[in-house]
Amino acid sequence: MYYARQISDPTVKIPPLLDELERDHANSISIVFPIYTDGVSANTVHTGPDTPSDAALSYLVGQAHARGMAVLLRPLLDEANLTATDWRGSIQPTSVSGWFDSYQSLTVHYGQLAQTLRVETFSIGSELNSMEGYPNSWRRLIDAMRAGYRGRITYSANWQGYTTTFWSALDFISFDAYFPLNAASPTASDLALAWAPALEEIGRAKASYGKPVVFTEVGVQARANAYRTPWVRNPNAPLDLAEQAAYYSGTCQATRGVISGLYWWDVYLQPPADPLHDGDYTPLGKPAEDAMRRCFAAGS
């Protein structure tokens, strides 16, 4: 999982990052990049100063393909222009049809770029909970995408997103899988057991639609008890590298044979200067990277 903001000189930093991910046995990279709206009630979606250029995205896709990695392309509605109490899942545009027209236009543009670059998979949205109740609008968007893009299409539902209304129109089901785990202890085995309720619910959705399930985001900060609320950034919690690694191992163990792919959240072009004292999500340079490598090597 790579979160791409504005890339000023991609030729310098992208190859070493992808070389490391290749050594970690990653066979696919998710390129997540920001797009914007101008407030919770805005009716337009657009690029911004941190949105990578098409040329930069093309370079990154080409570098991934050169290393034998498949690519998942994911425009992500950034929350920089929303208030502290809002998020991408709570937007309420004053014109739903106007919002979808704008969003579809931008999404189709990236779909056409993805087709040119032979990108294997495209996510048409992520965690847009408040907009999921308009199935006809999503199906029109999916039809417009399929007119010019021949790869697989998915949508990254929030981990609470079992009310997504258009899963049947997608090639596979995806979750940003920040499910809270009620583990007896933060060991890999107990964390694996704690996945059972979430995986049971996911299994029902999988059976209902007859489609595979992928986690388009999964991970925790390297902080104590982060597995209880994986979506929360808590800079005041104690650093705990071992617990993050145990989460990776336990998640890999629990999902093998059930989930068709894991995209760990996340890595950036600018890695932490001292990863062993960094409490954020990235696994690189931490014990979690070893756990990720073993997970991928085992074929999860």
C-alpha atoms as a PDB file:
ATOM      1  CA  MET A   1       0.000   0.000   0.000  1.00  0.00           C
ATOM      2  CA  TYR A   2       1.544   3.254  -1.111  1.00  0.00           C
ATOM      3  CA  TYR A   3      -0.030   6.627  -0.368  1.00  0.00           C
ATOM      4  CA  ALA A   4       1.094   9.024  -3.099  1.00  0.00           C
ATOM      5  CA  ARG A   5       0.888  12.747  -2.639  1.00  0.00           C
ATOM      6  CA  GLN A   6       2.558  15.256  -4.963  1.00  0.00           C
ATOM      7  CA  ILE A   7       5.652  13.631  -6.422  1.00  0.00           C
ATOM      8  CA  SER A   8       8.210  16.281  -7.379  1.00  0.00           C
ATOM      9  CA  ASP A   9      10.915  13.890  -8.612  1.00  0.00           C
ATOM     10  CA  PRO A  10       9.603  10.321  -8.683  1.00  0.00           C
ATOM     11  CA  THR A  11      12.716   8.950 -10.382  1.00  0.00           C
ATOM     12  CA  VAL A  12      14.751   9.427  -7.203  1.00  0.00           C
ATOM     13  CA  LYS A  13      12.692   7.754  -4.476  1.00  0.00           C
ATOM     14  CA  ILE A  14      10.225   5.359  -6.062  1.00  0.00           C
ATOM     15  CA  PRO A  15      12.677   2.683  -7.314  1.00  0.00           C
ATOM     16  CA  PRO A  16      14.290   2.025  -3.872  1.00  0.00           C
ATOM     17  CA  LEU A  17      10.859   1.846  -2.227  1.00  0.00           C
ATOM     18  CA  LEU A  18       9.581  -0.658  -4.782  1.00  0.00           C
ATOM     19  CA  ASP A  19      12.810  -2.645  -4.583  1.00  0.00           C
ATOM     20  CA  GLU A  20      12.222  -3.034  -0.854  1.00  0.00           C
ATOM     21  CA  LEU A  21       8.600  -4.079  -1.358  1.00  0.00           C
ATOM     22  CA  GLU A  22       9.725  -6.583  -3.983  1.00  0.00           C
ATOM     23  CA  ARG A  23      12.153  -8.080  -1.450  1.00  0.00           C
ATOM     24  CA  ASP A  24       9.192  -8.296   0.925  1.00  0.00           C
ATOM     25  CA  HIS A  25       7.445 -10.545  -1.661  1.00  0.00           C
ATOM     26  CA  ALA A  26       4.690  -8.012  -2.440  1.00  0.00           C
ATOM     27  CA  ASN A  27       3.047  -9.051  -5.708  1.00  0.00           C
ATOM     28  CA  SER A  28       0.710  -6.054  -5.952  1.00  0.00           C
ATOM     29  CA  ILE A  29       0.902  -2.406  -4.929  1.00  0.00           C
ATOM     30  CA  SER A  30      -2.058  -0.155  -4.185  1.00  0.00           C
ATOM     31  CA  ILE A  31      -1.388   3.416  -5.328  1.00  0.00           C
ATOM     32  CA  VAL A  32      -3.625   5.666  -3.250  1.00  0.00           C
ATOM     33  CA  PHE A  33      -3.660   9.348  -4.128  1.00  0.00           C
ATOM     34  CA  PRO A  34      -5.707  12.342  -2.941  1.00  0.00           C
ATOM     35  CA  ILE A  35      -8.563  14.088  -4.707  1.00  0.00           C
ATOM     36  CA  TYR A  36     -10.556  16.860  -3.058  1.00  0.00           C
ATOM     37  CA  THR A  37     -13.914  18.437  -2.369  1.00  0.00           C
ATOM     38  CA  ASP A  38     -14.422  21.903  -0.882  1.00  0.00           C
ATOM     39  CA  GLY A  39     -16.438  21.076   2.211  1.00  0.00           C
ATOM     40  CA  VAL A  40     -19.026  18.647   3.452  1.00  0.00           C
ATOM     41  CA  SER A  41     -21.837  20.116   1.296  1.00  0.00           C
ATOM     42  CA  ALA A  42     -19.820  20.795  -1.883  1.00  0.00           C
ATOM     43  CA  ASN A  43     -21.016  19.429  -5.206  1.00  0.00           C
ATOM     44  CA  THR A  44     -17.697  19.141  -7.019  1.00  0.00           C
ATOM     45  CA  VAL A  45     -14.686  16.851  -6.738  1.00  0.00           C
ATOM     46  CA  HIS A  46     -11.340  17.902  -8.189  1.00  0.00           C
ATOM     47  CA  THR A  47      -7.593  17.474  -8.122  1.00  0.00           C
ATOM     48  CA  GLY A  48      -5.472  19.608  -5.798  1.00  0.00           C
ATOM     49  CA  PRO A  49      -1.883  20.658  -5.210  1.00  0.00           C
ATOM     50  CA  ASP A  50      -1.039  17.305  -3.607  1.00  0.00           C
ATOM     51  CA  THR A  51      -2.604  15.203  -6.366  1.00  0.00           C
ATOM     52  CA  PRO A  52       0.184  13.522  -8.357  1.00  0.00           C
ATOM     53  CA  SER A  53       0.346  14.389 -12.037  1.00  0.00           C
ATOM     54  CA  ASP A  54      -0.668  11.795 -14.606  1.00  0.00           C
ATOM     55  CA  ALA A  55       2.996  11.612 -15.605  1.00  0.00           C
ATOM     56  CA  ALA A  56       4.065  10.814 -12.033  1.00  0.00           C
ATOM     57  CA  LEU A  57       1.366   8.150 -11.687  1.00  0.00           C
ATOM     58  CA  SER A  58       2.413   6.692 -15.031  1.00  0.00           C
ATOM     59  CA  TYR A  59       6.021   6.470 -13.893  1.00  0.00           C
ATOM     60  CA  LEU A  60       5.077   4.758 -10.646  1.00  0.00           C
ATOM     61  CA  VAL A  61       2.806   2.252 -12.399  1.00  0.00           C
ATOM     62  CA  GLY A  62       5.542   1.497 -14.917  1.00  0.00           C
ATOM     63  CA  GLN A  63       8.112   0.934 -12.175  1.00  0.00           C
ATOM     64  CA  ALA A  64       5.745  -1.446 -10.351  1.00  0.00           C
ATOM     65  CA  HIS A  65       5.018  -3.391 -13.531  1.00  0.00           C
ATOM     66  CA  ALA A  66       8.741  -3.616 -14.300  1.00  0.00           C
ATOM     67  CA  ARG A  67       9.134  -5.483 -10.995  1.00  0.00           C
ATOM     68  CA  GLY A  68       6.319  -7.892 -11.776  1.00  0.00           C
ATOM     69  CA  MET A  69       3.849  -6.209  -9.414  1.00  0.00           C
ATOM     70  CA  ALA A  70       0.191  -5.776 -10.282  1.00  0.00           C
ATOM     71  CA  VAL A  71      -1.325  -2.357  -9.548  1.00  0.00           C
ATOM     72  CA  LEU A  72      -4.514  -1.268  -7.780  1.00  0.00           C
ATOM     73  CA  LEU A  73      -5.229   2.419  -8.461  1.00  0.00           C
ATOM     74  CA  ARG A  74      -7.269   4.215  -5.768  1.00  0.00           C
ATOM     75  CA  PRO A  75      -8.248   7.896  -5.870  1.00  0.00           C
ATOM     76  CA  LEU A  76      -9.075   8.805  -2.248  1.00  0.00           C
ATOM     77  CA  LEU A  77     -11.254  11.751  -1.230  1.00  0.00           C
ATOM     78  CA  ASP A  78      -8.925  13.683   1.061  1.00  0.00           C
ATOM     79  CA  GLU A  79     -10.300  15.242   4.249  1.00  0.00           C
ATOM     80  CA  ALA A  80      -8.088  18.344   4.295  1.00  0.00           C
ATOM     81  CA  ASN A  81     -10.980  20.621   3.307  1.00  0.00           C
ATOM     82  CA  LEU A  82     -13.476  19.126   5.754  1.00  0.00           C
ATOM     83  CA  THR A  83     -14.069  20.206   9.340  1.00  0.00           C
ATOM     84  CA  ALA A  84     -12.621  18.292  12.272  1.00  0.00           C
ATOM     85  CA  THR A  85     -15.993  16.654  12.952  1.00  0.00           C
ATOM     86  CA  ASP A  86     -16.537  15.465   9.361  1.00  0.00           C
ATOM     87  CA  TRP A  87     -14.864  12.837   7.204  1.00  0.00           C
ATOM     88  CA  ARG A  88     -15.229  11.446   3.684  1.00  0.00           C
ATOM     89  CA  GLY A  89     -17.984   9.131   4.907  1.00  0.00           C
ATOM     90  CA  SER A  90     -20.217  11.974   6.100  1.00  0.00           C
ATOM     91  CA  ILE A  91     -20.315  14.368   3.125  1.00  0.00           C
ATOM     92  CA  GLN A  92     -23.767  15.699   2.220  1.00  0.00           C
ATOM     93  CA  PRO A  93     -23.620  17.523  -1.122  1.00  0.00           C
ATOM     94  CA  THR A  94     -26.502  19.903  -1.751  1.00  0.00           C
ATOM     95  CA  SER A  95     -26.907  18.343  -5.198  1.00  0.00           C
ATOM     96  CA  VAL A  96     -26.402  14.590  -5.208  1.00  0.00           C
ATOM     97  CA  SER A  97     -26.676  14.423  -8.992  1.00  0.00           C
ATOM     98  CA  GLY A  98     -24.203  17.287  -9.383  1.00  0.00           C
ATOM     99  CA  TRP A  99     -21.725  15.576  -7.052  1.00  0.00           C
ATOM    100  CA  PHE A 100     -21.949  12.280  -8.928  1.00  0.00           C
ATOM    101  CA  ASP A 101     -21.533  14.052 -12.293  1.00  0.00           C
ATOM    102  CA  SER A 102     -18.343  15.705 -11.033  1.00  0.00           C
ATOM    103  CA  TYR A 103     -17.049  12.581  -9.290  1.00  0.00           C
ATOM    104  CA  GLN A 104     -17.768  10.391 -12.320  1.00  0.00           C
ATOM    105  CA  SER A 105     -15.971  12.754 -14.678  1.00  0.00           C
ATOM    106  CA  LEU A 106     -12.800  12.689 -12.565  1.00  0.00           C
ATOM    107  CA  THR A 107     -12.988   8.939 -11.910  1.00  0.00           C
ATOM    108  CA  VAL A 108     -13.464   8.108 -15.587  1.00  0.00           C
ATOM    109  CA  HIS A 109     -10.409  10.225 -16.421  1.00  0.00           C
ATOM    110  CA  TYR A 110      -8.287   8.089 -14.101  1.00  0.00           C
ATOM    111  CA  GLY A 111      -9.951   4.971 -15.471  1.00  0.00           C
ATOM    112  CA  GLN A 112      -8.847   5.946 -18.973  1.00  0.00           C
ATOM    113  CA  LEU A 113      -5.318   6.532 -17.682  1.00  0.00           C
ATOM    114  CA  ALA A 114      -5.450   3.144 -15.961  1.00  0.00           C
ATOM    115  CA  GLN A 115      -6.461   1.483 -19.237  1.00  0.00           C
ATOM    116  CA  THR A 116      -3.591   3.147 -21.093  1.00  0.00           C
ATOM    117  CA  LEU A 117      -1.166   1.926 -18.418  1.00  0.00           C
ATOM    118  CA  ARG A 118      -2.739  -1.549 -18.257  1.00  0.00           C
ATOM    119  CA  VAL A 119      -3.481  -1.162 -14.570  1.00  0.00           C
ATOM    120  CA  GLU A 120      -4.961  -4.430 -13.351  1.00  0.00           C
ATOM    121  CA  THR A 121      -7.497  -3.108 -10.812  1.00  0.00           C
ATOM    122  CA  PHE A 122      -9.262   0.178 -10.072  1.00  0.00           C
ATOM    123  CA  SER A 123     -11.169   1.191  -6.945  1.00  0.00           C
ATOM    124  CA  ILE A 124     -13.939   3.629  -7.832  1.00  0.00           C
ATOM    125  CA  GLY A 125     -14.262   4.959  -4.274  1.00  0.00           C
ATOM    126  CA  SER A 126     -13.318   4.537  -0.654  1.00  0.00           C
ATOM    127  CA  GLU A 127     -15.362   4.834   2.537  1.00  0.00           C
ATOM    128  CA  LEU A 128     -18.012   7.137   1.066  1.00  0.00           C
ATOM    129  CA  ASN A 129     -20.642   5.872   3.493  1.00  0.00           C
ATOM    130  CA  SER A 130     -23.095   8.743   3.098  1.00  0.00           C
ATOM    131  CA  MET A 131     -23.112   8.375  -0.698  1.00  0.00           C
ATOM    132  CA  GLU A 132     -23.530   4.595  -0.840  1.00  0.00           C
ATOM    133  CA  GLY A 133     -27.323   4.780  -0.727  1.00  0.00           C
ATOM    134  CA  TYR A 134     -27.565   5.858  -4.388  1.00  0.00           C
ATOM    135  CA  PRO A 135     -27.115   2.577  -6.262  1.00  0.00           C
ATOM    136  CA  ASN A 136     -28.282   3.886  -9.632  1.00  0.00           C
ATOM    137  CA  SER A 137     -25.674   6.638  -9.565  1.00  0.00           C
ATOM    138  CA  TRP A 138     -22.923   4.160  -8.704  1.00  0.00           C
ATOM    139  CA  ARG A 139     -24.055   1.751 -11.392  1.00  0.00           C
ATOM    140  CA  ARG A 140     -23.978   4.554 -13.969  1.00  0.00           C
ATOM    141  CA  LEU A 141     -20.440   5.355 -12.854  1.00  0.00           C
ATOM    142  CA  ILE A 142     -19.438   1.691 -13.119  1.00  0.00           C
ATOM    143  CA  ASP A 143     -20.952   1.461 -16.612  1.00  0.00           C
ATOM    144  CA  ALA A 144     -19.068   4.603 -17.659  1.00  0.00           C
ATOM    145  CA  MET A 145     -15.837   3.120 -16.283  1.00  0.00           C
ATOM    146  CA  ARG A 146     -16.315  -0.193 -18.077  1.00  0.00           C
ATOM    147  CA  ALA A 147     -16.815   1.652 -21.385  1.00  0.00           C
ATOM    148  CA  GLY A 148     -13.135   2.603 -21.365  1.00  0.00           C
ATOM    149  CA  TYR A 149     -11.430   0.439 -18.744  1.00  0.00           C
ATOM    150  CA  ARG A 150     -11.036  -3.331 -19.106  1.00  0.00           C
ATOM    151  CA  GLY A 151      -9.469  -4.181 -15.754  1.00  0.00           C
ATOM    152  CA  ARG A 152     -11.157  -5.286 -12.534  1.00  0.00           C
ATOM    153  CA  ILE A 153     -13.316  -2.747 -10.690  1.00  0.00           C
ATOM    154  CA  THR A 154     -13.956  -2.667  -6.951  1.00  0.00           C
ATOM    155  CA  TYR A 155     -15.053  -0.243  -4.228  1.00  0.00           C
ATOM    156  CA  SER A 156     -13.314   0.062  -0.851  1.00  0.00           C
ATOM    157  CA  ALA A 157     -16.079  -0.059   1.737  1.00  0.00           C
ATOM    158  CA  ASN A 158     -15.485   1.131   5.275  1.00  0.00           C
ATOM    159  CA  TRP A 159     -15.184  -1.762   7.724  1.00  0.00           C
ATOM    160  CA  GLN A 160     -18.754  -1.031   8.857  1.00  0.00           C
ATOM    161  CA  GLY A 161     -19.980  -0.947   5.246  1.00  0.00           C
ATOM    162  CA  TYR A 162     -22.298  -3.929   4.946  1.00  0.00           C
ATOM    163  CA  THR A 163     -25.024  -1.703   3.477  1.00  0.00           C
ATOM    164  CA  THR A 164     -23.102  -1.016   0.255  1.00  0.00           C
ATOM    165  CA  THR A 165     -25.817  -1.129  -2.403  1.00  0.00           C
ATOM    166  CA  PHE A 166     -23.885  -1.992  -5.569  1.00  0.00           C
ATOM    167  CA  TRP A 167     -21.547  -4.881  -4.709  1.00  0.00           C
ATOM    168  CA  SER A 168     -23.213  -7.055  -7.349  1.00  0.00           C
ATOM    169  CA  ALA A 169     -21.925  -4.705 -10.086  1.00  0.00           C
ATOM    170  CA  LEU A 170     -18.279  -5.050  -8.968  1.00  0.00           C
ATOM    171  CA  ASP A 171     -15.683  -7.694  -9.746  1.00  0.00           C
ATOM    172  CA  PHE A 172     -14.858  -8.290  -6.090  1.00  0.00           C
ATOM    173  CA  ILE A 173     -15.782  -6.935  -2.654  1.00  0.00           C
ATOM    174  CA  SER A 174     -13.294  -4.782  -0.757  1.00  0.00           C
ATOM    175  CA  PHE A 175     -13.028  -3.500   2.792  1.00  0.00           C
ATOM    176  CA  ASP A 176     -10.813  -0.971   4.499  1.00  0.00           C
ATOM    177  CA  ALA A 177     -10.555  -3.448   7.314  1.00  0.00           C
ATOM    178  CA  TYR A 178     -10.070  -1.538  10.558  1.00  0.00           C
ATOM    179  CA  PHE A 179     -12.226  -3.958  12.522  1.00  0.00           C
ATOM    180  CA  PRO A 180     -11.784  -3.611  16.305  1.00  0.00           C
ATOM    181  CA  LEU A 181     -10.327  -6.783  17.777  1.00  0.00           C
ATOM    182  CA  ASN A 182     -11.310  -7.953  21.243  1.00  0.00           C
ATOM    183  CA  ALA A 183      -8.255 -10.088  21.932  1.00  0.00           C
ATOM    184  CA  ALA A 184      -7.460 -11.756  25.242  1.00  0.00           C
ATOM    185  CA  SER A 185      -3.864 -10.574  24.831  1.00  0.00           C
ATOM    186  CA  PRO A 186      -1.866  -8.862  22.058  1.00  0.00           C
ATOM    187  CA  THR A 187      -0.181 -12.063  20.881  1.00  0.00           C
ATOM    188  CA  ALA A 188      -0.376 -13.230  17.278  1.00  0.00           C
ATOM    189  CA  SER A 189      -2.463 -16.282  18.210  1.00  0.00           C
ATOM    190  CA  ASP A 190      -4.976 -14.317  20.299  1.00  0.00           C
ATOM    191  CA  LEU A 191      -5.246 -11.597  17.673  1.00  0.00           C
ATOM    192  CA  ALA A 192      -5.907 -14.270  15.036  1.00  0.00           C
ATOM    193  CA  LEU A 193      -8.738 -15.675  17.153  1.00  0.00           C
ATOM    194  CA  ALA A 194     -10.156 -12.179  17.655  1.00  0.00           C
ATOM    195  CA  TRP A 195     -10.724 -11.839  13.896  1.00  0.00           C
ATOM    196  CA  ALA A 196     -13.437 -14.536  13.995  1.00  0.00           C
ATOM    197  CA  PRO A 197     -16.553 -12.304  14.402  1.00  0.00           C
ATOM    198  CA  ALA A 198     -15.514  -9.949  11.597  1.00  0.00           C
ATOM    199  CA  LEU A 199     -14.573 -12.791   9.258  1.00  0.00           C
ATOM    200  CA  GLU A 200     -17.877 -14.542   9.949  1.00  0.00           C
ATOM    201  CA  GLU A 201     -19.766 -11.413   8.895  1.00  0.00           C
ATOM    202  CA  ILE A 202     -17.542 -10.969   5.857  1.00  0.00           C
ATOM    203  CA  GLY A 203     -18.147 -14.609   4.966  1.00  0.00           C
ATOM    204  CA  ARG A 204     -21.885 -14.002   4.819  1.00  0.00           C
ATOM    205  CA  ALA A 205     -21.403 -11.093   2.418  1.00  0.00           C
ATOM    206  CA  LYS A 206     -19.002 -13.183   0.352  1.00  0.00           C
ATOM    207  CA  ALA A 207     -21.509 -16.032   0.115  1.00  0.00           C
ATOM    208  CA  SER A 208     -24.416 -13.700  -0.724  1.00  0.00           C
ATOM    209  CA  TYR A 209     -22.668 -12.182  -3.724  1.00  0.00           C
ATOM    210  CA  GLY A 210     -20.457 -15.077  -4.772  1.00  0.00           C
ATOM    211  CA  LYS A 211     -17.450 -12.784  -5.054  1.00  0.00           C
ATOM    212  CA  PRO A 212     -13.988 -12.830  -3.492  1.00  0.00           C
ATOM    213  CA  VAL A 213     -13.115 -10.333  -0.751  1.00  0.00           C
ATOM    214  CA  VAL A 214      -9.970  -8.214  -0.542  1.00  0.00           C
ATOM    215  CA  PHE A 215      -8.774  -5.929   2.243  1.00  0.00           C
ATOM    216  CA  THR A 216      -7.782  -2.738   0.415  1.00  0.00           C
ATOM    217  CA  GLU A 217      -6.524  -1.347   3.729  1.00  0.00           C
ATOM    218  CA  VAL A 218      -5.534  -3.190   6.884  1.00  0.00           C
ATOM    219  CA  GLY A 219      -3.042  -2.309   9.602  1.00  0.00           C
ATOM    220  CA  VAL A 220      -2.400  -0.663  12.959  1.00  0.00           C
ATOM    221  CA  GLN A 221      -0.106   1.909  14.425  1.00  0.00           C
ATOM    222  CA  ALA A 222       2.950   0.643  16.290  1.00  0.00           C
ATOM    223  CA  ARG A 223       1.359   1.576  19.611  1.00  0.00           C
ATOM    224  CA  ALA A 224      -0.013  -0.290  22.599  1.00  0.00           C
ATOM    225  CA  ASN A 225      -3.589  -1.545  22.209  1.00  0.00           C
ATOM    226  CA  ALA A 226      -3.920  -0.129  18.688  1.00  0.00           C
ATOM    227  CA  TYR A 227      -5.695  -3.333  17.630  1.00  0.00           C
ATOM    228  CA  ARG A 228      -8.712  -2.295  19.729  1.00  0.00           C
ATOM    229  CA  THR A 229      -9.399   0.747  17.512  1.00  0.00           C
ATOM    230  CA  PRO A 230      -7.178   0.323  14.441  1.00  0.00           C
ATOM    231  CA  TRP A 231      -8.613   3.375  12.654  1.00  0.00           C
ATOM    232  CA  VAL A 232      -7.534   5.771  15.423  1.00  0.00           C
ATOM    233  CA  ARG A 233      -4.255   7.667  15.365  1.00  0.00           C
ATOM    234  CA  ASN A 234      -3.155   7.957  18.983  1.00  0.00           C
ATOM    235  CA  PRO A 235       0.219   9.710  19.227  1.00  0.00           C
ATOM    236  CA  ASN A 236       0.080   9.616  23.037  1.00  0.00           C
ATOM    237  CA  ALA A 237      -0.129   5.824  23.335  1.00  0.00           C
ATOM    238  CA  PRO A 238       3.128   4.031  24.202  1.00  0.00           C
ATOM    239  CA  LEU A 239       5.259   2.794  21.327  1.00  0.00           C
ATOM    240  CA  ASP A 240       4.866  -0.971  20.840  1.00  0.00           C
ATOM    241  CA  LEU A 241       6.650  -2.413  17.817  1.00  0.00           C
ATOM    242  CA  ALA A 242       6.116  -6.012  18.930  1.00  0.00           C
ATOM    243  CA  GLU A 243       2.369  -5.568  19.160  1.00  0.00           C
ATOM    244  CA  GLN A 244       2.208  -4.160  15.635  1.00  0.00           C
ATOM    245  CA  ALA A 245       4.194  -7.160  14.366  1.00  0.00           C
ATOM    246  CA  ALA A 246       1.866  -9.539  16.237  1.00  0.00           C
ATOM    247  CA  TYR A 247      -1.129  -7.881  14.589  1.00  0.00           C
ATOM    248  CA  TYR A 248       0.416  -8.473  11.155  1.00  0.00           C
ATOM    249  CA  SER A 249       1.125 -12.117  11.953  1.00  0.00           C
ATOM    250  CA  GLY A 250      -2.276 -12.743  13.527  1.00  0.00           C
ATOM    251  CA  THR A 251      -4.141 -11.064  10.679  1.00  0.00           C
ATOM    252  CA  CYS A 252      -2.213 -13.058   8.092  1.00  0.00           C
ATOM    253  CA  GLN A 253      -2.956 -16.286   9.962  1.00  0.00           C
ATOM    254  CA  ALA A 254      -6.666 -15.538  10.402  1.00  0.00           C
ATOM    255  CA  THR A 255      -7.372 -14.414   6.841  1.00  0.00           C
ATOM    256  CA  ARG A 256      -5.412 -17.029   4.876  1.00  0.00           C
ATOM    257  CA  GLY A 257      -7.815 -18.897   2.617  1.00  0.00           C
ATOM    258  CA  VAL A 258     -10.670 -16.512   3.492  1.00  0.00           C
ATOM    259  CA  ILE A 259      -9.498 -13.154   2.149  1.00  0.00           C
ATOM    260  CA  SER A 260      -8.079 -13.050  -1.375  1.00  0.00           C
ATOM    261  CA  GLY A 261      -5.596 -10.231  -0.782  1.00  0.00           C
ATOM    262  CA  LEU A 262      -4.192  -7.880   1.870  1.00  0.00           C
ATOM    263  CA  TYR A 263      -2.987  -4.339   1.204  1.00  0.00           C
ATOM    264  CA  TRP A 264      -1.238  -3.143   4.360  1.00  0.00           C
ATOM    265  CA  TRP A 265      -1.662   0.521   5.284  1.00  0.00           C
ATOM    266  CA  ASP A 266       0.740   2.159   4.505  1.00  0.00           C
ATOM    267  CA  VAL A 267       4.084   3.306   3.108  1.00  0.00           C
ATOM    268  CA  TYR A 268       5.216   6.723   1.876  1.00  0.00           C
ATOM    269  CA  LEU A 269       8.045   8.067  -0.248  1.00  0.00           C
ATOM    270  CA  GLN A 270       9.375   9.772   2.869  1.00  0.00           C
ATOM    271  CA  PRO A 271      10.020   6.987   5.413  1.00  0.00           C
ATOM    272  CA  PRO A 272      10.507   7.845   9.095  1.00  0.00           C
ATOM    273  CA  ALA A 273      14.091   8.801   9.885  1.00  0.00           C
ATOM    274  CA  ASP A 274      14.147   6.399  12.829  1.00  0.00           C
ATOM    275  CA  PRO A 275      11.559   3.668  12.205  1.00  0.00           C
ATOM    276  CA  LEU A 276      12.302   1.852  15.467  1.00  0.00           C
ATOM    277  CA  HIS A 277      11.040   4.920  17.314  1.00  0.00           C
ATOM    278  CA  ASP A 278       8.135   5.642  14.970  1.00  0.00           C
ATOM    279  CA  GLY A 279       4.639   4.817  16.185  1.00  0.00           C
ATOM    280  CA  ASP A 280       2.775   5.340  12.907  1.00  0.00           C
ATOM    281  CA  TYR A 281       1.264   2.737  10.568  1.00  0.00           C
ATOM    282  CA  THR A 282       4.167   2.044   8.234  1.00  0.00           C
ATOM    283  CA  PRO A 283       5.736  -1.389   8.783  1.00  0.00           C
ATOM    284  CA  LEU A 284       8.957  -0.619   6.935  1.00  0.00           C
ATOM    285  CA  GLY A 285      12.092  -0.836   9.052  1.00  0.00           C
ATOM    286  CA  LYS A 286      10.130  -2.359  11.954  1.00  0.00           C
ATOM    287  CA  PRO A 287       9.468  -5.915  13.141  1.00  0.00           C
ATOM    288  CA  ALA A 288       6.136  -5.676  11.312  1.00  0.00           C
ATOM    289  CA  GLU A 289       8.027  -5.669   8.018  1.00  0.00           C
ATOM    290  CA  ASP A 290       9.444  -9.102   8.840  1.00  0.00           C
ATOM    291  CA  ALA A 291       5.932 -10.310   9.664  1.00  0.00           C
ATOM    292  CA  MET A 292       4.640  -8.869   6.383  1.00  0.00           C
ATOM    293  CA  ARG A 293       7.463 -10.543   4.443  1.00  0.00           C
ATOM    294  CA  ARG A 294       6.666 -13.933   5.983  1.00  0.00           C
ATOM    295  CA  CYS A 295       2.972 -13.413   5.262  1.00  0.00           C
ATOM    296  CA  PHE A 296       3.544 -12.621   1.597  1.00  0.00           C
ATOM    297  CA  ALA A 297       6.130 -15.389   1.202  1.00  0.00           C
ATOM    298  CA  ALA A 298       3.562 -17.880   2.477  1.00  0.00           C
ATOM    299  CA  GLY A 299       1.178 -16.796  -0.263  1.00  0.00           C
ATOM    300  CA  SER A 300      -1.406 -14.861   1.751  1.00  0.00           C
END
